[in-house]
Protein backbone atom coordinates (compact mmCIF):
# COMPACT_ATOMS: atom_id res chain seq x y z
CA UNK A 1 14.20 -32.61 -5.12
CA UNK A 2 13.02 -29.07 -5.90
CA UNK A 3 9.97 -27.45 -4.25
CA UNK A 4 7.81 -24.58 -5.47
CA UNK A 5 5.43 -23.06 -2.88
CA UNK A 6 2.75 -20.41 -3.91
CA UNK A 7 0.29 -18.49 -1.82
CA UNK A 8 -2.51 -16.61 -3.60
CA UNK A 9 -4.92 -14.06 -2.28
CA UNK A 10 -8.17 -13.31 -4.12
CA UNK A 11 -9.84 -9.94 -4.62
CA UNK A 12 -12.58 -9.12 -2.40
CA UNK A 13 -15.80 -10.48 -3.79
CA UNK A 14 -14.13 -13.00 -6.06
CA UNK A 15 -16.94 -15.23 -7.27
CA UNK A 16 -17.12 -18.75 -5.94
CA UNK A 17 -17.38 -19.96 -9.55
CA UNK A 18 -14.05 -18.23 -10.48
CA UNK A 19 -12.28 -19.87 -7.51
CA UNK A 20 -13.66 -23.10 -8.52
CA UNK A 21 -12.44 -22.66 -12.06
CA UNK A 22 -8.94 -22.08 -10.61
CA UNK A 23 -9.16 -25.27 -8.51
CA UNK A 24 -10.32 -27.21 -11.62
CA UNK A 25 -7.52 -25.91 -13.63
CA UNK A 26 -4.86 -26.72 -11.04
CA UNK A 27 -6.26 -30.26 -10.86
CA UNK A 28 -5.57 -30.74 -14.52
CA UNK A 29 -2.00 -29.67 -14.43
CA UNK A 30 -0.35 -32.91 -13.40
CA UNK A 31 -1.83 -34.73 -16.32
CA UNK A 32 -0.44 -32.06 -18.74
CA UNK A 33 2.97 -31.61 -17.16
CA UNK A 34 4.67 -34.92 -16.37
CA UNK A 35 7.63 -33.15 -14.68
CA UNK A 36 5.39 -32.59 -11.59
CA UNK A 37 6.38 -35.31 -9.15
CA UNK A 38 3.96 -34.10 -6.39
CA UNK A 39 1.30 -31.32 -6.64
CA UNK A 40 -1.01 -30.38 -3.80
CA UNK A 41 -3.12 -27.46 -3.28
CA UNK A 42 -6.07 -26.35 -1.18
CA UNK A 43 -7.89 -23.33 0.21
CA UNK A 44 -6.98 -21.70 3.49
CA UNK A 45 -8.74 -23.53 6.41
CA UNK A 46 -9.81 -20.20 7.90
CA UNK A 47 -8.26 -20.79 11.28
CA UNK A 48 -6.19 -17.59 11.47
CA UNK A 49 -7.14 -14.16 10.15
CA UNK A 50 -5.12 -12.51 7.49
CA UNK A 51 -3.97 -15.72 5.70
CA UNK A 52 -3.76 -16.10 1.97
CA UNK A 53 -6.68 -17.89 0.24
CA UNK A 54 -4.85 -20.83 -1.54
CA UNK A 55 -1.75 -22.66 -1.16
CA UNK A 56 0.00 -24.68 -3.91
CA UNK A 57 2.95 -26.95 -3.21
CA UNK A 58 4.76 -28.46 -6.29
CA UNK A 59 7.73 -30.89 -6.17
CA UNK A 60 10.03 -31.50 -9.12
CA UNK A 61 13.09 -33.64 -9.75
CA UNK A 62 15.22 -30.65 -10.68
CA UNK A 63 15.31 -26.89 -11.13
CA UNK A 64 15.03 -27.70 -14.94
CA UNK A 65 11.84 -29.66 -14.32
CA UNK A 66 10.42 -26.63 -12.42
CA UNK A 67 11.37 -24.36 -15.33
CA UNK A 68 9.34 -26.62 -17.79
CA UNK A 69 6.30 -26.27 -15.44
CA UNK A 70 6.80 -22.60 -14.95
CA UNK A 71 6.86 -21.88 -18.67
CA UNK A 72 4.39 -24.54 -19.78
CA UNK A 73 1.60 -23.33 -21.89
CA UNK A 74 -1.16 -25.08 -19.77
CA UNK A 75 0.26 -23.33 -16.66
CA UNK A 76 0.60 -19.98 -18.30
CA UNK A 77 -2.95 -20.17 -19.80
CA UNK A 78 -4.31 -21.03 -16.22
CA UNK A 79 -2.56 -17.95 -14.83
CA UNK A 80 -3.69 -15.65 -17.50
CA UNK A 81 -7.25 -16.91 -17.93
CA UNK A 82 -8.27 -17.93 -14.44
CA UNK A 83 -5.94 -16.71 -11.80
CA UNK A 84 -5.06 -13.16 -12.95
CA UNK A 85 -8.69 -11.82 -13.13
CA UNK A 86 -9.14 -12.65 -9.38
CA UNK A 87 -5.63 -12.22 -7.98
CA UNK A 88 -5.06 -9.59 -5.39
CA UNK A 89 -1.70 -11.02 -4.06
CA UNK A 90 0.94 -13.68 -4.60
CA UNK A 91 3.87 -14.89 -2.61
CA UNK A 92 6.18 -17.72 -3.69
CA UNK A 93 9.49 -19.40 -2.92
CA UNK A 94 11.58 -22.20 -4.45
CA UNK A 95 14.00 -24.28 -2.57
CA UNK A 96 16.07 -27.33 -2.72
CA UNK A 97 14.91 -30.12 -0.41
CA UNK A 98 17.33 -32.35 1.40
CA UNK A 99 17.67 -35.75 0.02
């Protein structure tokens, strides 16, 4: 199993409608990209100061499946059209999970 974790931080004053559009777009990716085995995401709970605004955790059967997701047109369009306009920061990691 291969895991991809992303943390996103929005620009100050990001419109709630813009954030909702990102969430809506993320929700549609599993139907568009069958290589996704598990896909969960959600906004920060606001418990600690300084956290990122959104977390995404995606699991794949292989690195190759992750690369399909990474380069998929639906994913790339979501990044370009909805995420990039309100993005202030991003952190990501990919790792192999023990079987």
